[in-house]
């Protein structure tokens, strides 16, 4: 991966947010939004995915966490790519832990493809994280769960979706929330009326409250 965008804390560093962008974007794309909503003791890491050919876009090369073959819910998925990307996220988490930040002081989040990877990475990570923020996304290779799950059941899941999303259909978000609720004990699914495949001011405010709740100052 290219060097991530890192937003240093403005007070003592006691927690970390790792936020993953959507298809074709970069870490810079979400950095300013994260800077506006993160608490002062929370370091933010916004990595950029490797550039690769994306089947869904006719093989055009762009930053992508894994190949997207189709937007058909029953279509084939890039299982090796998803697993490899999750290992990269786990490495980022482990690096923060090595630097002295406990796993339960780390939130992983993302938008669209990045949100999908955030969910998968949390579920396949054995330590309890502070939470996961999943915006306008879905659970990749859902058929491998619950067998693939390594996370504790009580990691807080904050999932958001606009009900007018033309790219990742709202029903995918609903179905993902239903699957997550069979495995996890703390799933909050919020619907944003009239919102397409983007974030809204209300959604970002709700994310801010989630971070303040689960990453309080120490």
N, C-alpha and C. Protein backbone atom coordinates (compact mmCIF):
# COMPACT_ATOMS: atom_id res chain seq x y z
N UNK A 1 0.83 -1.20 0.00
CA UNK A 1 0.00 0.00 0.00
C UNK A 1 0.87 1.25 0.00
N UNK A 2 0.32 2.30 -0.58
CA UNK A 2 0.98 3.61 -0.48
C UNK A 2 0.94 4.07 0.98
N UNK A 3 1.78 5.04 1.30
CA UNK A 3 1.79 5.55 2.67
C UNK A 3 0.41 6.12 3.01
N UNK A 4 -0.15 5.74 4.16
CA UNK A 4 -1.47 6.25 4.52
C UNK A 4 -1.43 7.71 4.94
N UNK A 5 -2.58 8.37 4.84
CA UNK A 5 -2.74 9.70 5.42
C UNK A 5 -2.92 9.49 6.92
N UNK A 6 -2.12 10.18 7.73
CA UNK A 6 -2.20 10.04 9.18
C UNK A 6 -2.52 11.40 9.79
N UNK A 7 -3.59 11.44 10.57
CA UNK A 7 -3.95 12.65 11.30
C UNK A 7 -3.54 12.46 12.75
N UNK A 8 -2.52 13.17 13.15
CA UNK A 8 -2.02 13.03 14.52
C UNK A 8 -3.01 13.64 15.51
N UNK A 9 -2.93 13.18 16.75
CA UNK A 9 -3.82 13.70 17.78
C UNK A 9 -3.43 15.12 18.16
N UNK A 10 -4.40 15.83 18.75
CA UNK A 10 -4.11 17.17 19.26
C UNK A 10 -4.01 17.16 20.79
N UNK A 11 -4.20 15.96 21.38
CA UNK A 11 -3.91 15.75 22.80
C UNK A 11 -3.24 14.38 22.92
N UNK A 12 -3.08 13.86 24.12
CA UNK A 12 -2.38 12.58 24.30
C UNK A 12 -3.07 11.47 23.50
N UNK A 13 -2.28 10.73 22.73
CA UNK A 13 -2.81 9.68 21.85
C UNK A 13 -3.19 8.45 22.69
N UNK A 14 -4.52 8.19 22.79
CA UNK A 14 -4.97 7.03 23.56
C UNK A 14 -5.91 6.12 22.77
N UNK A 15 -6.20 6.48 21.51
CA UNK A 15 -7.10 5.67 20.70
C UNK A 15 -6.82 5.94 19.22
N UNK A 16 -7.25 5.01 18.38
CA UNK A 16 -6.98 5.12 16.94
C UNK A 16 -8.21 4.73 16.13
N UNK A 17 -8.44 5.47 15.04
CA UNK A 17 -9.46 5.15 14.05
C UNK A 17 -8.76 4.84 12.74
N UNK A 18 -9.03 3.67 12.18
CA UNK A 18 -8.54 3.30 10.85
C UNK A 18 -9.74 3.37 9.91
N UNK A 19 -9.69 4.25 8.91
CA UNK A 19 -10.86 4.44 8.04
C UNK A 19 -10.48 4.15 6.59
N UNK A 20 -11.28 3.31 5.93
CA UNK A 20 -10.98 2.77 4.60
C UNK A 20 -11.91 3.39 3.55
N UNK A 21 -11.33 3.96 2.50
CA UNK A 21 -12.10 4.64 1.46
C UNK A 21 -12.83 3.67 0.55
N UNK A 22 -13.68 4.22 -0.31
CA UNK A 22 -14.41 3.42 -1.29
C UNK A 22 -13.64 3.24 -2.58
N UNK A 23 -14.21 2.48 -3.50
CA UNK A 23 -13.58 2.16 -4.78
C UNK A 23 -13.20 3.42 -5.54
N UNK A 24 -11.95 3.46 -6.02
CA UNK A 24 -11.49 4.57 -6.85
C UNK A 24 -11.09 5.82 -6.10
N UNK A 25 -11.21 5.79 -4.78
CA UNK A 25 -10.87 6.95 -3.96
C UNK A 25 -9.47 6.76 -3.38
N UNK A 26 -9.05 7.67 -2.51
CA UNK A 26 -7.78 7.53 -1.81
C UNK A 26 -8.00 7.87 -0.34
N UNK A 27 -7.00 7.65 0.47
CA UNK A 27 -7.09 8.00 1.88
C UNK A 27 -7.37 9.47 2.09
N UNK A 28 -6.86 10.29 1.18
CA UNK A 28 -7.07 11.74 1.29
C UNK A 28 -8.54 12.10 1.18
N UNK A 29 -9.31 11.27 0.46
CA UNK A 29 -10.71 11.57 0.20
C UNK A 29 -11.57 11.68 1.45
N UNK A 30 -11.19 10.96 2.51
CA UNK A 30 -11.98 10.99 3.74
C UNK A 30 -11.27 11.70 4.89
N UNK A 31 -10.05 12.12 4.66
CA UNK A 31 -9.24 12.66 5.76
C UNK A 31 -9.87 13.91 6.39
N UNK A 32 -10.38 14.83 5.56
CA UNK A 32 -10.92 16.07 6.13
C UNK A 32 -12.19 15.81 6.93
N UNK A 33 -13.03 14.88 6.45
CA UNK A 33 -14.25 14.54 7.19
C UNK A 33 -13.90 13.90 8.54
N UNK A 34 -12.91 13.02 8.53
CA UNK A 34 -12.50 12.36 9.78
C UNK A 34 -11.88 13.37 10.74
N UNK A 35 -11.12 14.32 10.20
CA UNK A 35 -10.49 15.34 11.05
C UNK A 35 -11.54 16.15 11.78
N UNK A 36 -12.68 16.37 11.12
CA UNK A 36 -13.73 17.21 11.71
C UNK A 36 -14.52 16.50 12.80
N UNK A 37 -14.54 15.16 12.76
CA UNK A 37 -15.41 14.48 13.72
C UNK A 37 -14.68 13.65 14.77
N UNK A 38 -13.38 13.43 14.61
CA UNK A 38 -12.70 12.58 15.59
C UNK A 38 -12.38 13.38 16.86
N UNK A 39 -12.45 12.74 18.03
CA UNK A 39 -12.04 13.40 19.28
C UNK A 39 -10.54 13.71 19.25
N UNK A 40 -10.08 14.68 20.06
CA UNK A 40 -8.68 15.13 19.99
C UNK A 40 -7.64 14.08 20.37
N UNK A 41 -8.05 13.04 21.14
CA UNK A 41 -7.10 12.01 21.56
C UNK A 41 -7.04 10.83 20.59
N UNK A 42 -7.80 10.93 19.48
CA UNK A 42 -7.89 9.82 18.52
C UNK A 42 -7.04 10.11 17.28
N UNK A 43 -6.05 9.26 17.07
CA UNK A 43 -5.26 9.31 15.83
C UNK A 43 -6.08 8.67 14.71
N UNK A 44 -6.01 9.24 13.51
CA UNK A 44 -6.74 8.69 12.37
C UNK A 44 -5.74 8.21 11.31
N UNK A 45 -5.96 6.99 10.83
CA UNK A 45 -5.16 6.43 9.73
C UNK A 45 -6.10 6.20 8.55
N UNK A 46 -5.81 6.86 7.43
CA UNK A 46 -6.61 6.69 6.21
C UNK A 46 -5.72 6.11 5.12
N UNK A 47 -5.62 4.79 5.03
CA UNK A 47 -4.76 4.19 4.01
C UNK A 47 -5.37 4.31 2.62
N UNK A 48 -4.53 4.16 1.61
CA UNK A 48 -4.98 4.13 0.22
C UNK A 48 -4.76 2.73 -0.34
N UNK A 49 -5.78 2.20 -0.98
CA UNK A 49 -5.68 0.85 -1.56
C UNK A 49 -4.70 0.83 -2.73
N UNK A 50 -4.17 -0.34 -3.01
CA UNK A 50 -3.35 -0.51 -4.20
C UNK A 50 -4.19 -0.29 -5.46
N UNK A 51 -3.54 0.17 -6.53
CA UNK A 51 -4.21 0.32 -7.82
C UNK A 51 -4.21 -1.03 -8.54
N UNK A 52 -5.39 -1.44 -9.00
CA UNK A 52 -5.52 -2.73 -9.67
C UNK A 52 -6.63 -2.68 -10.71
N UNK A 53 -6.62 -3.61 -11.67
CA UNK A 53 -7.74 -3.67 -12.62
C UNK A 53 -9.01 -4.13 -11.90
N UNK A 54 -10.13 -3.47 -12.16
CA UNK A 54 -11.39 -3.83 -11.52
C UNK A 54 -12.35 -4.37 -12.58
N UNK A 55 -12.72 -5.63 -12.42
CA UNK A 55 -13.56 -6.32 -13.41
C UNK A 55 -14.86 -5.56 -13.66
N UNK A 56 -15.49 -5.09 -12.59
CA UNK A 56 -16.77 -4.39 -12.70
C UNK A 56 -16.67 -3.16 -13.60
N UNK A 57 -15.51 -2.54 -13.63
CA UNK A 57 -15.29 -1.34 -14.46
C UNK A 57 -14.51 -1.66 -15.73
N UNK A 58 -14.72 -2.83 -16.26
CA UNK A 58 -14.11 -3.21 -17.54
C UNK A 58 -12.61 -3.37 -17.48
N UNK A 59 -12.08 -3.68 -16.31
CA UNK A 59 -10.64 -3.87 -16.16
C UNK A 59 -9.86 -2.59 -15.98
N UNK A 60 -10.56 -1.46 -15.87
CA UNK A 60 -9.89 -0.17 -15.65
C UNK A 60 -9.17 -0.20 -14.31
N UNK A 61 -7.96 0.32 -14.28
CA UNK A 61 -7.14 0.30 -13.07
C UNK A 61 -7.49 1.47 -12.16
N UNK A 62 -7.69 1.20 -10.89
CA UNK A 62 -8.02 2.23 -9.91
C UNK A 62 -7.71 1.70 -8.52
N UNK A 63 -7.63 2.60 -7.52
CA UNK A 63 -7.44 2.12 -6.16
C UNK A 63 -8.63 1.25 -5.74
N UNK A 64 -8.33 0.02 -5.31
CA UNK A 64 -9.38 -0.93 -4.94
C UNK A 64 -8.81 -1.90 -3.91
N UNK A 65 -9.58 -2.16 -2.87
CA UNK A 65 -9.10 -3.07 -1.81
C UNK A 65 -9.07 -4.51 -2.30
N UNK A 66 -9.98 -4.83 -3.22
CA UNK A 66 -10.02 -6.17 -3.83
C UNK A 66 -10.82 -6.03 -5.12
N UNK A 67 -10.78 -7.03 -5.98
CA UNK A 67 -11.50 -6.94 -7.24
C UNK A 67 -13.01 -7.04 -6.98
N UNK A 68 -13.77 -6.22 -7.68
CA UNK A 68 -15.23 -6.32 -7.67
C UNK A 68 -15.64 -6.89 -9.02
N UNK A 69 -16.23 -8.07 -9.00
CA UNK A 69 -16.57 -8.74 -10.25
C UNK A 69 -17.96 -8.36 -10.74
N UNK A 70 -18.89 -8.10 -9.82
CA UNK A 70 -20.27 -7.81 -10.18
C UNK A 70 -20.94 -7.12 -8.99
N UNK A 71 -22.06 -6.46 -9.25
CA UNK A 71 -22.87 -5.94 -8.14
C UNK A 71 -24.15 -6.76 -8.00
N UNK A 72 -24.08 -8.01 -8.48
CA UNK A 72 -25.17 -8.97 -8.29
C UNK A 72 -24.93 -9.68 -6.96
N UNK A 73 -25.94 -9.65 -6.08
CA UNK A 73 -25.73 -10.19 -4.73
C UNK A 73 -25.34 -11.67 -4.72
N UNK A 74 -25.69 -12.42 -5.78
CA UNK A 74 -25.35 -13.85 -5.82
C UNK A 74 -24.16 -14.12 -6.75
N UNK A 75 -23.52 -13.06 -7.22
CA UNK A 75 -22.42 -13.22 -8.17
C UNK A 75 -21.11 -13.61 -7.50
N UNK A 76 -20.07 -13.92 -8.31
CA UNK A 76 -18.78 -14.34 -7.76
C UNK A 76 -18.06 -13.21 -7.04
N UNK A 77 -17.27 -13.56 -6.03
CA UNK A 77 -16.51 -12.58 -5.26
C UNK A 77 -15.03 -12.94 -5.28
N UNK A 78 -14.20 -11.92 -5.08
CA UNK A 78 -12.74 -12.08 -5.07
C UNK A 78 -12.30 -12.51 -3.66
N UNK A 79 -12.58 -13.78 -3.33
CA UNK A 79 -12.31 -14.25 -1.97
C UNK A 79 -10.84 -14.12 -1.59
N UNK A 80 -9.88 -14.52 -2.46
CA UNK A 80 -8.46 -14.35 -2.08
C UNK A 80 -8.09 -12.89 -1.87
N UNK A 81 -8.62 -12.00 -2.71
CA UNK A 81 -8.32 -10.57 -2.58
C UNK A 81 -8.89 -9.97 -1.31
N UNK A 82 -10.10 -10.39 -0.94
CA UNK A 82 -10.73 -9.90 0.28
C UNK A 82 -9.92 -10.33 1.50
N UNK A 83 -9.50 -11.59 1.51
CA UNK A 83 -8.72 -12.11 2.64
C UNK A 83 -7.36 -11.42 2.73
N UNK A 84 -6.73 -11.17 1.58
CA UNK A 84 -5.42 -10.50 1.58
C UNK A 84 -5.56 -9.06 2.08
N UNK A 85 -6.64 -8.38 1.67
CA UNK A 85 -6.86 -7.00 2.12
C UNK A 85 -7.11 -6.96 3.62
N UNK A 86 -7.85 -7.94 4.14
CA UNK A 86 -8.11 -7.99 5.58
C UNK A 86 -6.81 -8.17 6.36
N UNK A 87 -5.89 -8.95 5.80
CA UNK A 87 -4.59 -9.11 6.46
C UNK A 87 -3.85 -7.78 6.55
N UNK A 88 -3.98 -6.95 5.51
CA UNK A 88 -3.36 -5.62 5.54
C UNK A 88 -3.97 -4.77 6.66
N UNK A 89 -5.28 -4.85 6.82
CA UNK A 89 -5.95 -4.10 7.88
C UNK A 89 -5.50 -4.63 9.25
N UNK A 90 -5.43 -5.96 9.37
CA UNK A 90 -4.97 -6.55 10.64
C UNK A 90 -3.55 -6.10 10.98
N UNK A 91 -2.71 -5.94 9.95
CA UNK A 91 -1.34 -5.46 10.17
C UNK A 91 -1.35 -4.03 10.71
N UNK A 92 -2.24 -3.18 10.17
CA UNK A 92 -2.37 -1.81 10.68
C UNK A 92 -2.81 -1.82 12.15
N UNK A 93 -3.77 -2.69 12.47
CA UNK A 93 -4.24 -2.80 13.86
C UNK A 93 -3.10 -3.26 14.76
N UNK A 94 -2.40 -4.29 14.32
CA UNK A 94 -1.30 -4.84 15.13
C UNK A 94 -0.20 -3.80 15.36
N UNK A 95 0.04 -2.96 14.36
CA UNK A 95 1.06 -1.91 14.50
C UNK A 95 0.66 -0.91 15.59
N UNK A 96 -0.62 -0.57 15.65
CA UNK A 96 -1.10 0.34 16.69
C UNK A 96 -0.98 -0.31 18.07
N UNK A 97 -1.30 -1.60 18.15
CA UNK A 97 -1.19 -2.33 19.42
C UNK A 97 0.28 -2.37 19.87
N UNK A 98 1.18 -2.61 18.91
CA UNK A 98 2.62 -2.63 19.23
C UNK A 98 3.11 -1.28 19.74
N UNK A 99 2.43 -0.21 19.29
CA UNK A 99 2.81 1.15 19.70
C UNK A 99 2.17 1.54 21.03
N UNK A 100 1.39 0.62 21.61
CA UNK A 100 0.87 0.88 22.95
C UNK A 100 -0.62 1.18 23.04
N UNK A 101 -1.34 1.10 21.91
CA UNK A 101 -2.79 1.34 21.91
C UNK A 101 -3.50 -0.01 22.00
N UNK A 102 -4.31 -0.21 23.03
CA UNK A 102 -5.00 -1.48 23.22
C UNK A 102 -6.00 -1.73 22.09
N UNK A 103 -6.25 -3.01 21.79
CA UNK A 103 -7.20 -3.35 20.72
C UNK A 103 -8.57 -2.73 20.96
N UNK A 104 -8.98 -2.69 22.24
CA UNK A 104 -10.31 -2.15 22.53
C UNK A 104 -10.33 -0.61 22.58
N UNK A 105 -9.24 0.00 22.07
CA UNK A 105 -9.19 1.45 21.86
C UNK A 105 -8.99 1.77 20.37
N UNK A 106 -9.32 0.78 19.52
CA UNK A 106 -9.15 0.94 18.07
C UNK A 106 -10.49 0.68 17.39
N UNK A 107 -10.93 1.64 16.56
CA UNK A 107 -12.12 1.48 15.73
C UNK A 107 -11.68 1.35 14.28
N UNK A 108 -12.28 0.40 13.57
CA UNK A 108 -12.06 0.26 12.13
C UNK A 108 -13.35 0.68 11.43
N UNK A 109 -13.22 1.49 10.39
CA UNK A 109 -14.40 1.94 9.67
C UNK A 109 -14.12 2.08 8.20
N UNK A 110 -15.20 2.33 7.44
CA UNK A 110 -15.01 2.52 6.01
C UNK A 110 -16.31 2.82 5.31
N UNK A 111 -16.16 3.28 4.06
CA UNK A 111 -17.29 3.63 3.20
C UNK A 111 -17.32 2.71 1.99
N UNK A 112 -18.50 2.17 1.66
CA UNK A 112 -18.72 1.35 0.48
C UNK A 112 -17.77 0.13 0.49
N UNK A 113 -16.90 -0.01 -0.50
CA UNK A 113 -15.98 -1.15 -0.50
C UNK A 113 -15.11 -1.15 0.75
N UNK A 114 -14.73 0.05 1.21
CA UNK A 114 -13.94 0.16 2.44
C UNK A 114 -14.72 -0.27 3.66
N UNK A 115 -16.03 0.03 3.69
CA UNK A 115 -16.87 -0.42 4.78
C UNK A 115 -17.03 -1.93 4.79
N UNK A 116 -17.16 -2.49 3.59
CA UNK A 116 -17.24 -3.95 3.47
C UNK A 116 -15.98 -4.60 4.04
N UNK A 117 -14.82 -4.04 3.67
CA UNK A 117 -13.56 -4.58 4.18
C UNK A 117 -13.44 -4.38 5.69
N UNK A 118 -13.92 -3.25 6.20
CA UNK A 118 -13.89 -3.00 7.64
C UNK A 118 -14.69 -4.06 8.39
N UNK A 119 -15.89 -4.37 7.90
CA UNK A 119 -16.72 -5.40 8.54
C UNK A 119 -16.01 -6.75 8.52
N UNK A 120 -15.51 -7.13 7.35
CA UNK A 120 -14.84 -8.44 7.23
C UNK A 120 -13.60 -8.50 8.12
N UNK A 121 -12.84 -7.41 8.15
CA UNK A 121 -11.61 -7.38 8.94
C UNK A 121 -11.91 -7.48 10.44
N UNK A 122 -12.97 -6.80 10.90
CA UNK A 122 -13.34 -6.89 12.31
C UNK A 122 -13.76 -8.30 12.67
N UNK A 123 -14.60 -8.91 11.83
CA UNK A 123 -15.14 -10.23 12.14
C UNK A 123 -14.06 -11.32 12.14
N UNK A 124 -12.98 -11.10 11.40
CA UNK A 124 -11.93 -12.12 11.30
C UNK A 124 -10.71 -11.76 12.16
N UNK A 125 -10.86 -10.77 13.05
CA UNK A 125 -9.78 -10.39 13.96
C UNK A 125 -10.10 -10.93 15.34
N UNK A 126 -9.17 -11.66 15.98
CA UNK A 126 -9.51 -12.38 17.20
C UNK A 126 -9.65 -11.53 18.46
N UNK A 127 -9.06 -10.33 18.46
CA UNK A 127 -9.15 -9.50 19.66
C UNK A 127 -10.37 -8.57 19.58
N UNK A 128 -10.84 -8.14 20.74
CA UNK A 128 -12.00 -7.26 20.76
C UNK A 128 -11.58 -5.83 20.43
N UNK A 129 -12.09 -5.32 19.31
CA UNK A 129 -11.87 -3.93 18.95
C UNK A 129 -12.90 -3.04 19.64
N UNK A 130 -12.67 -1.72 19.62
CA UNK A 130 -13.61 -0.79 20.23
C UNK A 130 -14.90 -0.71 19.43
N UNK A 131 -14.84 -1.02 18.14
CA UNK A 131 -16.03 -0.98 17.32
C UNK A 131 -15.69 -0.94 15.85
N UNK A 132 -16.75 -1.02 15.03
CA UNK A 132 -16.60 -0.91 13.58
C UNK A 132 -17.68 0.02 13.06
N UNK A 133 -17.30 0.88 12.11
CA UNK A 133 -18.23 1.81 11.46
C UNK A 133 -18.33 1.41 10.00
N UNK A 134 -19.53 1.04 9.56
CA UNK A 134 -19.73 0.51 8.22
C UNK A 134 -20.74 1.37 7.47
N UNK A 135 -20.26 2.19 6.54
CA UNK A 135 -21.12 3.14 5.83
C UNK A 135 -21.42 2.65 4.42
N UNK A 136 -22.70 2.56 4.07
CA UNK A 136 -23.14 2.26 2.70
C UNK A 136 -22.44 1.03 2.13
N UNK A 137 -22.53 -0.07 2.84
CA UNK A 137 -21.72 -1.23 2.44
C UNK A 137 -22.46 -2.55 2.63
N UNK A 138 -21.70 -3.62 2.57
CA UNK A 138 -22.24 -4.98 2.66
C UNK A 138 -21.19 -5.86 3.32
N UNK A 139 -21.56 -7.08 3.66
CA UNK A 139 -20.60 -8.04 4.22
C UNK A 139 -20.07 -8.93 3.10
N UNK A 140 -18.78 -8.84 2.77
CA UNK A 140 -18.23 -9.69 1.70
C UNK A 140 -18.18 -11.16 2.13
N UNK A 141 -18.18 -12.01 1.11
CA UNK A 141 -18.17 -13.48 1.29
C UNK A 141 -18.94 -13.89 2.56
N UNK A 142 -20.20 -13.41 2.60
CA UNK A 142 -21.05 -13.65 3.78
C UNK A 142 -21.28 -15.15 4.01
N UNK A 143 -21.18 -15.93 2.91
CA UNK A 143 -21.44 -17.37 3.04
C UNK A 143 -20.40 -18.07 3.92
N UNK A 144 -19.26 -17.43 4.15
CA UNK A 144 -18.21 -18.07 4.96
C UNK A 144 -18.46 -17.90 6.46
N UNK A 145 -19.48 -17.09 6.82
CA UNK A 145 -19.80 -16.87 8.23
C UNK A 145 -21.00 -17.72 8.62
N UNK A 146 -21.11 -18.11 9.88
CA UNK A 146 -20.26 -17.71 11.02
C UNK A 146 -18.96 -18.49 11.17
N UNK A 147 -18.71 -19.48 10.29
CA UNK A 147 -17.51 -20.32 10.46
C UNK A 147 -16.22 -19.50 10.46
N UNK A 148 -16.17 -18.43 9.64
CA UNK A 148 -14.95 -17.63 9.51
C UNK A 148 -14.77 -16.63 10.65
N UNK A 149 -15.78 -16.48 11.48
CA UNK A 149 -15.75 -15.44 12.51
C UNK A 149 -14.75 -15.78 13.62
N UNK A 150 -13.91 -14.80 13.96
CA UNK A 150 -12.95 -14.95 15.06
C UNK A 150 -13.16 -13.91 16.15
N UNK A 151 -13.94 -12.88 15.85
CA UNK A 151 -14.11 -11.77 16.79
C UNK A 151 -15.00 -12.16 17.96
N UNK A 152 -14.83 -11.49 19.11
CA UNK A 152 -15.81 -11.63 20.19
C UNK A 152 -17.19 -11.14 19.71
N UNK A 153 -18.24 -11.64 20.34
CA UNK A 153 -19.60 -11.32 19.91
C UNK A 153 -20.01 -9.88 20.21
N UNK A 154 -19.30 -9.24 21.14
CA UNK A 154 -19.81 -7.97 21.66
C UNK A 154 -19.09 -6.73 21.11
N UNK A 155 -18.37 -6.87 19.99
CA UNK A 155 -17.78 -5.68 19.36
C UNK A 155 -18.93 -4.81 18.82
N UNK A 156 -18.99 -3.53 19.19
CA UNK A 156 -20.07 -2.67 18.72
C UNK A 156 -19.99 -2.44 17.20
N UNK A 157 -21.12 -2.66 16.52
CA UNK A 157 -21.20 -2.46 15.07
C UNK A 157 -22.14 -1.30 14.80
N UNK A 158 -21.62 -0.27 14.10
CA UNK A 158 -22.43 0.89 13.72
C UNK A 158 -22.53 0.91 12.21
N UNK A 159 -23.71 0.59 11.70
CA UNK A 159 -23.92 0.45 10.26
C UNK A 159 -24.90 1.51 9.78
N UNK A 160 -24.55 2.20 8.69
CA UNK A 160 -25.37 3.30 8.16
C UNK A 160 -25.62 3.08 6.68
N UNK A 161 -26.83 3.43 6.22
CA UNK A 161 -27.14 3.27 4.80
C UNK A 161 -28.23 4.25 4.38
N UNK A 162 -28.03 4.90 3.23
CA UNK A 162 -29.07 5.73 2.64
C UNK A 162 -30.10 4.87 1.93
N UNK A 163 -31.38 5.21 2.05
CA UNK A 163 -32.41 4.36 1.45
C UNK A 163 -32.63 4.64 -0.04
N UNK A 164 -31.84 5.55 -0.61
CA UNK A 164 -31.91 5.82 -2.06
C UNK A 164 -30.57 5.51 -2.74
N UNK A 165 -29.82 4.57 -2.18
CA UNK A 165 -28.49 4.23 -2.71
C UNK A 165 -28.62 3.44 -4.01
N UNK A 166 -28.15 4.00 -5.16
CA UNK A 166 -28.26 3.29 -6.43
C UNK A 166 -27.08 2.35 -6.71
N UNK A 167 -26.04 2.42 -5.90
CA UNK A 167 -24.82 1.63 -6.14
C UNK A 167 -24.80 0.38 -5.27
N UNK A 168 -24.86 0.57 -3.96
CA UNK A 168 -24.97 -0.54 -3.01
C UNK A 168 -26.40 -0.48 -2.47
N UNK A 169 -27.30 -1.29 -3.00
CA UNK A 169 -28.71 -1.14 -2.67
C UNK A 169 -28.97 -1.19 -1.16
N UNK A 170 -29.96 -0.38 -0.75
CA UNK A 170 -30.34 -0.33 0.66
C UNK A 170 -30.66 -1.72 1.21
N UNK A 171 -31.27 -2.56 0.37
CA UNK A 171 -31.63 -3.91 0.85
C UNK A 171 -30.37 -4.73 1.20
N UNK A 172 -29.24 -4.42 0.54
CA UNK A 172 -28.00 -5.10 0.91
C UNK A 172 -27.60 -4.73 2.33
N UNK A 173 -27.76 -3.45 2.65
CA UNK A 173 -27.48 -3.00 4.01
C UNK A 173 -28.38 -3.68 5.01
N UNK A 174 -29.67 -3.78 4.69
CA UNK A 174 -30.62 -4.45 5.58
C UNK A 174 -30.27 -5.92 5.76
N UNK A 175 -29.94 -6.59 4.65
CA UNK A 175 -29.59 -8.01 4.72
C UNK A 175 -28.31 -8.20 5.54
N UNK A 176 -27.34 -7.30 5.35
CA UNK A 176 -26.09 -7.38 6.11
C UNK A 176 -26.36 -7.22 7.60
N UNK A 177 -27.20 -6.25 7.95
CA UNK A 177 -27.54 -6.05 9.37
C UNK A 177 -28.19 -7.29 9.95
N UNK A 178 -29.06 -7.93 9.18
CA UNK A 178 -29.73 -9.15 9.65
C UNK A 178 -28.72 -10.26 9.92
N UNK A 179 -27.76 -10.42 9.00
CA UNK A 179 -26.72 -11.44 9.18
C UNK A 179 -25.86 -11.11 10.40
N UNK A 180 -25.46 -9.84 10.53
CA UNK A 180 -24.61 -9.44 11.65
C UNK A 180 -25.31 -9.68 12.99
N UNK A 181 -26.62 -9.45 13.02
CA UNK A 181 -27.36 -9.62 14.28
C UNK A 181 -27.45 -11.08 14.72
N UNK A 182 -27.23 -12.02 13.79
CA UNK A 182 -27.19 -13.43 14.18
C UNK A 182 -25.86 -13.80 14.84
N UNK A 183 -24.83 -12.95 14.65
CA UNK A 183 -23.49 -13.26 15.17
C UNK A 183 -23.03 -12.31 16.26
N UNK A 184 -23.54 -11.08 16.23
CA UNK A 184 -23.02 -10.02 17.10
C UNK A 184 -24.15 -9.49 17.99
N UNK A 185 -23.80 -9.12 19.21
CA UNK A 185 -24.82 -8.73 20.20
C UNK A 185 -25.10 -7.23 20.23
N UNK A 186 -24.28 -6.42 19.53
CA UNK A 186 -24.43 -4.96 19.60
C UNK A 186 -24.35 -4.37 18.19
N UNK A 187 -25.45 -4.49 17.44
CA UNK A 187 -25.51 -4.00 16.06
C UNK A 187 -26.53 -2.87 15.99
N UNK A 188 -26.10 -1.71 15.52
CA UNK A 188 -26.97 -0.54 15.35
C UNK A 188 -27.01 -0.21 13.87
N UNK A 189 -28.18 -0.39 13.24
CA UNK A 189 -28.34 -0.10 11.81
C UNK A 189 -29.19 1.16 11.66
N UNK A 190 -28.61 2.19 11.07
CA UNK A 190 -29.33 3.46 10.91
C UNK A 190 -29.62 3.73 9.43
N UNK A 191 -30.84 4.17 9.18
CA UNK A 191 -31.29 4.49 7.83
C UNK A 191 -31.34 6.01 7.66
N UNK A 192 -30.86 6.48 6.48
CA UNK A 192 -30.87 7.90 6.19
C UNK A 192 -31.77 8.13 4.97
N UNK A 193 -32.92 8.75 5.21
CA UNK A 193 -33.94 8.89 4.17
C UNK A 193 -33.50 9.88 3.09
N UNK A 194 -33.68 9.45 1.84
CA UNK A 194 -33.37 10.32 0.71
C UNK A 194 -31.89 10.41 0.38
N UNK A 195 -31.05 9.65 1.07
CA UNK A 195 -29.59 9.71 0.85
C UNK A 195 -29.18 8.62 -0.13
N UNK A 196 -28.35 8.98 -1.11
CA UNK A 196 -27.86 8.04 -2.10
C UNK A 196 -26.57 7.38 -1.63
N UNK A 197 -25.66 7.13 -2.59
CA UNK A 197 -24.40 6.47 -2.25
C UNK A 197 -23.38 7.53 -1.85
N UNK A 198 -23.61 8.09 -0.69
CA UNK A 198 -22.76 9.16 -0.16
C UNK A 198 -23.01 9.24 1.34
N UNK A 199 -22.30 10.14 1.99
CA UNK A 199 -22.56 10.36 3.41
C UNK A 199 -23.39 11.62 3.57
N UNK A 200 -23.99 11.79 4.72
CA UNK A 200 -24.76 13.00 5.00
C UNK A 200 -24.24 13.64 6.28
N UNK A 201 -24.60 14.88 6.49
CA UNK A 201 -24.18 15.57 7.72
C UNK A 201 -24.68 14.83 8.96
N UNK A 202 -25.93 14.34 8.91
CA UNK A 202 -26.49 13.63 10.05
C UNK A 202 -25.72 12.34 10.32
N UNK A 203 -25.37 11.63 9.25
CA UNK A 203 -24.62 10.38 9.40
C UNK A 203 -23.26 10.65 10.06
N UNK A 204 -22.59 11.71 9.61
CA UNK A 204 -21.28 12.04 10.18
C UNK A 204 -21.41 12.46 11.65
N UNK A 205 -22.49 13.15 12.00
CA UNK A 205 -22.73 13.50 13.40
C UNK A 205 -22.97 12.24 14.24
N UNK A 206 -23.72 11.30 13.66
CA UNK A 206 -23.98 10.05 14.38
C UNK A 206 -22.68 9.25 14.57
N UNK A 207 -21.81 9.28 13.55
CA UNK A 207 -20.52 8.61 13.67
C UNK A 207 -19.67 9.28 14.75
N UNK A 208 -19.72 10.60 14.81
CA UNK A 208 -18.99 11.34 15.84
C UNK A 208 -19.43 10.89 17.24
N UNK A 209 -20.74 10.75 17.42
CA UNK A 209 -21.26 10.30 18.71
C UNK A 209 -20.83 8.88 19.04
N UNK A 210 -20.78 8.03 18.02
CA UNK A 210 -20.32 6.65 18.21
C UNK A 210 -18.86 6.64 18.70
N UNK A 211 -18.02 7.44 18.05
CA UNK A 211 -16.60 7.50 18.43
C UNK A 211 -16.44 8.04 19.85
N UNK A 212 -17.23 9.06 20.20
CA UNK A 212 -17.14 9.63 21.54
C UNK A 212 -17.60 8.62 22.60
N UNK A 213 -18.58 7.78 22.24
CA UNK A 213 -19.09 6.79 23.19
C UNK A 213 -18.11 5.65 23.42
N UNK A 214 -17.56 5.14 22.30
CA UNK A 214 -16.73 3.93 22.41
C UNK A 214 -15.22 4.20 22.48
N UNK A 215 -14.83 5.44 22.22
CA UNK A 215 -13.41 5.84 22.39
C UNK A 215 -13.37 7.06 23.30
N UNK A 216 -13.88 6.95 24.53
CA UNK A 216 -13.87 8.11 25.42
C UNK A 216 -12.45 8.50 25.80
N UNK A 217 -12.27 9.74 26.21
CA UNK A 217 -10.93 10.17 26.63
C UNK A 217 -10.54 9.44 27.90
N UNK A 218 -9.24 9.24 28.06
CA UNK A 218 -8.73 8.51 29.25
C UNK A 218 -7.92 9.43 30.11
